[in-house]
C-alpha atoms as a PDB file:
ATOM      1  CA  MET A   1     -21.177  14.782  14.948  1.00  0.00           C
ATOM      2  CA  ALA A   2     -18.477  13.373  12.649  1.00  0.00           C
ATOM      3  CA  ASP A   3     -20.815  10.592  11.530  1.00  0.00           C
ATOM      4  CA  LEU A   4     -23.533  13.085  10.605  1.00  0.00           C
ATOM      5  CA  VAL A   5     -21.166  15.406   8.746  1.00  0.00           C
ATOM      6  CA  GLY A   6     -19.521  12.453   7.011  1.00  0.00           C
ATOM      7  CA  LYS A   7     -22.880  11.112   5.845  1.00  0.00           C
ATOM      8  CA  ALA A   8     -23.929  14.528   4.583  1.00  0.00           C
ATOM      9  CA  MET A   9     -20.666  15.138   2.732  1.00  0.00           C
ATOM     10  CA  THR A  10     -20.336  11.671   1.185  1.00  0.00           C
ATOM     11  CA  PRO A  11     -22.866  12.300  -1.666  1.00  0.00           C
ATOM     12  CA  ALA A  12     -21.091  15.574  -2.512  1.00  0.00           C
ATOM     13  CA  CYS A  13     -17.730  13.790  -2.467  1.00  0.00           C
ATOM     14  CA  LYS A  14     -19.010  10.980  -4.695  1.00  0.00           C
ATOM     15  CA  LYS A  15     -20.229  13.567  -7.172  1.00  0.00           C
ATOM     16  CA  ARG A  16     -16.614  14.858  -7.352  1.00  0.00           C
ATOM     17  CA  GLY A  17     -15.183  11.348  -7.844  1.00  0.00           C
ATOM     18  CA  PHE A  18     -14.124  10.709  -4.246  1.00  0.00           C
ATOM     19  CA  ALA A  19     -15.377   7.450  -2.747  1.00  0.00           C
ATOM     20  CA  SER A  20     -15.652   9.054   0.691  1.00  0.00           C
ATOM     21  CA  VAL A  21     -14.827  12.166   2.644  1.00  0.00           C
ATOM     22  CA  ASP A  22     -11.692  10.537   4.126  1.00  0.00           C
ATOM     23  CA  ILE A  23      -9.141  12.002   1.722  1.00  0.00           C
ATOM     24  CA  ILE A  24     -10.548  15.505   2.095  1.00  0.00           C
ATOM     25  CA  ALA A  25     -10.739  15.267   5.881  1.00  0.00           C
ATOM     26  CA  SER A  26      -7.204  13.863   6.118  1.00  0.00           C
ATOM     27  CA  TRP A  27      -5.683  15.953   3.321  1.00  0.00           C
ATOM     28  CA  ALA A  28      -3.174  17.868   5.487  1.00  0.00           C
ATOM     29  CA  ASP A  29      -1.998  14.654   7.161  1.00  0.00           C
ATOM     30  CA  ILE A  30      -1.601  12.900   3.818  1.00  0.00           C
ATOM     31  CA  VAL A  31       0.302  15.537   1.849  1.00  0.00           C
ATOM     32  CA  GLY A  32       2.203  17.119   4.716  1.00  0.00           C
ATOM     33  CA  GLU A  33       2.706  20.590   6.104  1.00  0.00           C
ATOM     34  CA  ARG A  34       3.969  22.195   2.878  1.00  0.00           C
ATOM     35  CA  TYR A  35       0.842  21.413   0.841  1.00  0.00           C
ATOM     36  CA  GLY A  36      -1.759  20.753   3.528  1.00  0.00           C
ATOM     37  CA  THR A  37      -3.179  24.276   3.589  1.00  0.00           C
ATOM     38  CA  ARG A  38      -1.997  25.601   0.225  1.00  0.00           C
ATOM     39  CA  VAL A  39      -3.325  22.841  -2.045  1.00  0.00           C
ATOM     40  CA  GLN A  40      -6.990  21.919  -2.175  1.00  0.00           C
ATOM     41  CA  PRO A  41      -8.219  18.645  -3.701  1.00  0.00           C
ATOM     42  CA  ASP A  42     -11.066  19.298  -6.130  1.00  0.00           C
ATOM     43  CA  ARG A  43     -12.038  16.021  -7.778  1.00  0.00           C
ATOM     44  CA  LEU A  44     -10.893  12.655  -9.076  1.00  0.00           C
ATOM     45  CA  ILE A  45     -11.262  11.860 -12.752  1.00  0.00           C
ATOM     46  CA  TRP A  46     -11.467   8.120 -13.308  1.00  0.00           C
ATOM     47  CA  PRO A  47     -10.694   6.755 -16.782  1.00  0.00           C
ATOM     48  CA  ARG A  48     -13.438   4.869 -18.561  1.00  0.00           C
ATOM     49  CA  GLN A  49     -13.173   1.162 -17.949  1.00  0.00           C
ATOM     50  CA  PRO A  50     -13.943  -1.337 -20.710  1.00  0.00           C
ATOM     51  CA  GLU A  51     -16.911  -3.505 -19.813  1.00  0.00           C
ATOM     52  CA  LEU A  52     -15.019  -6.773 -20.234  1.00  0.00           C
ATOM     53  CA  THR A  53     -12.419  -6.210 -17.553  1.00  0.00           C
ATOM     54  CA  ASP A  54     -10.837  -8.770 -15.294  1.00  0.00           C
ATOM     55  CA  PRO A  55     -12.570  -8.500 -11.867  1.00  0.00           C
ATOM     56  CA  ASP A  56      -9.298  -9.382 -10.109  1.00  0.00           C
ATOM     57  CA  ARG A  57      -7.456  -6.520 -11.800  1.00  0.00           C
ATOM     58  CA  PRO A  58      -7.633  -3.125 -10.044  1.00  0.00           C
ATOM     59  CA  PRO A  59      -9.088  -0.204 -12.005  1.00  0.00           C
ATOM     60  CA  GLN A  60      -6.853   2.221 -13.909  1.00  0.00           C
ATOM     61  CA  PRO A  61      -5.452   4.999 -11.689  1.00  0.00           C
ATOM     62  CA  ALA A  62      -7.351   8.275 -11.539  1.00  0.00           C
ATOM     63  CA  THR A  63      -6.241  11.849 -12.114  1.00  0.00           C
ATOM     64  CA  LEU A  64      -6.472  14.041  -9.030  1.00  0.00           C
ATOM     65  CA  VAL A  65      -7.407  17.641  -9.819  1.00  0.00           C
ATOM     66  CA  VAL A  66      -6.184  20.155  -7.242  1.00  0.00           C
ATOM     67  CA  HIS A  67      -6.283  23.944  -6.832  1.00  0.00           C
ATOM     68  CA  THR A  68      -3.328  26.003  -5.674  1.00  0.00           C
ATOM     69  CA  ASP A  69      -1.570  29.323  -6.245  1.00  0.00           C
ATOM     70  CA  GLY A  70       1.155  29.818  -8.848  1.00  0.00           C
ATOM     71  CA  ALA A  71       4.214  29.489  -6.615  1.00  0.00           C
ATOM     72  CA  THR A  72       2.898  26.380  -4.879  1.00  0.00           C
ATOM     73  CA  ALA A  73       1.913  24.899  -8.257  1.00  0.00           C
ATOM     74  CA  LEU A  74       5.550  24.997  -9.323  1.00  0.00           C
ATOM     75  CA  LEU A  75       6.672  23.250  -6.122  1.00  0.00           C
ATOM     76  CA  LEU A  76       3.858  20.708  -6.341  1.00  0.00           C
ATOM     77  CA  SER A  77       4.670  19.841  -9.949  1.00  0.00           C
ATOM     78  CA  HIS A  78       8.222  19.097  -8.817  1.00  0.00           C
ATOM     79  CA  ASP A  79       7.046  16.998  -5.828  1.00  0.00           C
ATOM     80  CA  SER A  80       4.058  15.364  -7.539  1.00  0.00           C
ATOM     81  CA  ALA A  81       5.561  11.850  -7.529  1.00  0.00           C
ATOM     82  CA  GLN A  82       6.050  12.003  -3.760  1.00  0.00           C
ATOM     83  CA  VAL A  83       2.544  13.400  -3.201  1.00  0.00           C
ATOM     84  CA  ILE A  84       1.033  10.672  -5.413  1.00  0.00           C
ATOM     85  CA  GLU A  85       2.938   8.063  -3.414  1.00  0.00           C
ATOM     86  CA  ARG A  86       1.573   9.478  -0.133  1.00  0.00           C
ATOM     87  CA  ILE A  87      -1.992   9.511  -1.438  1.00  0.00           C
ATOM     88  CA  ASN A  88      -1.706   5.967  -2.763  1.00  0.00           C
ATOM     89  CA  THR A  89      -0.281   4.854   0.579  1.00  0.00           C
ATOM     90  CA  PHE A  90      -3.335   6.396   2.242  1.00  0.00           C
ATOM     91  CA  TYR A  91      -5.667   4.516  -0.106  1.00  0.00           C
ATOM     92  CA  GLY A  92      -3.659   1.304   0.116  1.00  0.00           C
ATOM     93  CA  TRP A  93      -3.421   0.834  -3.652  1.00  0.00           C
ATOM     94  CA  ALA A  94      -2.371   2.788  -6.765  1.00  0.00           C
ATOM     95  CA  ALA A  95      -5.533   4.914  -6.917  1.00  0.00           C
ATOM     96  CA  ILE A  96      -3.860   8.072  -8.284  1.00  0.00           C
ATOM     97  CA  GLY A  97      -1.760   8.047 -11.449  1.00  0.00           C
ATOM     98  CA  ARG A  98      -1.211  11.771 -11.921  1.00  0.00           C
ATOM     99  CA  ILE A  99      -2.061  15.171 -10.502  1.00  0.00           C
ATOM    100  CA  LYS A 100      -3.600  17.942 -12.594  1.00  0.00           C
ATOM    101  CA  ILE A 101      -2.873  21.343 -11.078  1.00  0.00           C
ATOM    102  CA  LEU A 102      -5.258  24.255 -11.589  1.00  0.00           C
ATOM    103  CA  GLN A 103      -3.952  27.636 -10.517  1.00  0.00           C
ATOM    104  CA  ARG A 104      -6.665  29.299  -8.491  1.00  0.00           C
ATOM    105  CA  PRO A 105      -6.619  31.191  -5.226  1.00  0.00           C
ATOM    106  CA  VAL A 106      -6.895  28.932  -2.201  1.00  0.00           C
ATOM    107  CA  LEU A 107      -8.033  30.183   1.176  1.00  0.00           C
ATOM    108  CA  VAL A 108      -5.195  29.420   3.556  1.00  0.00           C
ATOM    109  CA  LYS A 109      -6.622  27.988   6.751  1.00  0.00           C
ATOM    110  CA  GLN A 110      -5.033  29.412   9.843  1.00  0.00           C
ATOM    111  CA  PRO A 111      -4.446  26.801  12.531  1.00  0.00           C
ATOM    112  CA  GLU A 112      -6.288  27.412  15.759  1.00  0.00           C
ATOM    113  CA  PRO A 113      -4.002  28.533  18.555  1.00  0.00           C
ATOM    114  CA  SER A 114      -3.504  25.770  21.062  1.00  0.00           C
ATOM    115  CA  LYS A 115      -4.941  26.302  24.497  1.00  0.00           C
ATOM    116  CA  SER A 116      -2.412  26.407  27.284  1.00  0.00           C
ATOM    117  CA  LEU A 117      -2.871  23.696  29.876  1.00  0.00           C
ATOM    118  CA  ARG A 118      -2.808  24.241  33.599  1.00  0.00           C
ATOM    119  CA  ALA A 119       0.288  23.350  35.574  1.00  0.00           C
ATOM    120  CA  LEU A 120       0.208  20.078  37.480  1.00  0.00           C
ATOM    121  CA  THR A 121       0.109  20.132  41.258  1.00  0.00           C
ATOM    122  CA  ARG A 122       3.058  18.690  43.156  1.00  0.00           C
ATOM    123  CA  SER A 123       1.048  15.584  44.103  1.00  0.00           C
ATOM    124  CA  GLU A 124      -0.023  15.023  40.477  1.00  0.00           C
ATOM    125  CA  GLU A 125       3.594  15.299  39.305  1.00  0.00           C
ATOM    126  CA  GLN A 126       4.707  12.894  42.034  1.00  0.00           C
ATOM    127  CA  ARG A 127       2.047  10.306  41.110  1.00  0.00           C
ATOM    128  CA  LEU A 128       3.022  10.569  37.453  1.00  0.00           C
ATOM    129  CA  GLU A 129       6.726  10.083  38.271  1.00  0.00           C
ATOM    130  CA  GLU A 130       5.886   7.024  40.401  1.00  0.00           C
ATOM    131  CA  ARG A 131       3.989   5.429  37.531  1.00  0.00           C
ATOM    132  CA  LEU A 132       6.918   5.990  35.173  1.00  0.00           C
ATOM    133  CA  GLU A 133       9.647   4.618  37.480  1.00  0.00           C
ATOM    134  CA  GLY A 134       9.804   1.257  35.672  1.00  0.00           C
ATOM    135  CA  VAL A 135      10.399   2.800  32.235  1.00  0.00           C
ATOM    136  CA  GLU A 136      14.118   2.492  31.476  1.00  0.00           C
ATOM    137  CA  ASN A 137      14.276   4.238  28.089  1.00  0.00           C
ATOM    138  CA  ASP A 138      14.755   7.987  28.715  1.00  0.00           C
ATOM    139  CA  ARG A 139      13.079   9.135  25.484  1.00  0.00           C
ATOM    140  CA  LEU A 140      10.086   6.893  26.094  1.00  0.00           C
ATOM    141  CA  ARG A 141       9.824   8.043  29.716  1.00  0.00           C
ATOM    142  CA  GLN A 142       9.885  11.727  28.655  1.00  0.00           C
ATOM    143  CA  ALA A 143       7.241  11.128  25.974  1.00  0.00           C
ATOM    144  CA  LEU A 144       5.005   9.273  28.436  1.00  0.00           C
ATOM    145  CA  LYS A 145       5.526  11.986  31.047  1.00  0.00           C
ATOM    146  CA  LYS A 146       4.513  14.676  28.559  1.00  0.00           C
ATOM    147  CA  LEU A 147       1.448  12.692  27.491  1.00  0.00           C
ATOM    148  CA  GLY A 148       0.473  11.925  31.084  1.00  0.00           C
ATOM    149  CA  ALA A 149       0.821  15.573  32.084  1.00  0.00           C
ATOM    150  CA  GLN A 150      -1.462  16.639  29.239  1.00  0.00           C
ATOM    151  CA  VAL A 151      -4.053  14.007  30.134  1.00  0.00           C
ATOM    152  CA  ILE A 152      -4.056  15.085  33.778  1.00  0.00           C
ATOM    153  CA  ALA A 153      -4.110  18.813  32.932  1.00  0.00           C
ATOM    154  CA  ARG A 154      -7.079  18.359  30.613  1.00  0.00           C
ATOM    155  CA  GLY A 155      -8.934  16.673  33.434  1.00  0.00           C
ATOM    156  CA  ALA A 156      -9.240  13.336  31.690  1.00  0.00           C
ATOM    157  CA  GLY A 157      -8.347  11.488  34.845  1.00  0.00           C
ATOM    158  CA  GLU A 158      -5.373   9.652  36.236  1.00  0.00           C
ATOM    159  CA  PRO A 159      -2.420   8.794  33.985  1.00  0.00           C
ATOM    160  CA  ALA A 160      -2.479   5.263  32.585  1.00  0.00           C
END
């Protein structure tokens, strides 16, 4: 399904200056919790490149145009350097040079409530504990136990 949606959205993204749907799909992960739902990327504006450019030299950074409300715009303008750094880290090069903020209403997406998982049976808990006996680090053991319990509760099979 993701492949089909990605292929369908890619032409629309290219029309808005985005090379692919990746930045839009991963927006909340890139910019963090504060801006993930309150700031919406609109388009990238790439500067015109002279025809006689060095092929080994990367293109000039683009301007990212985003939409947000007034209060968030003020916060974003203050944090823009950090957000640009996160976006460029995502791209792997200095793709964004500045952010242009347009104040428009943004629909805030409400996260879906997480489904509660069933409790493990005593035998499932015992098998999980046996598999984790060799793990000496307490924090690692607890993290693996939590992960294993979720895998078992979702019915994905035995813990690894």
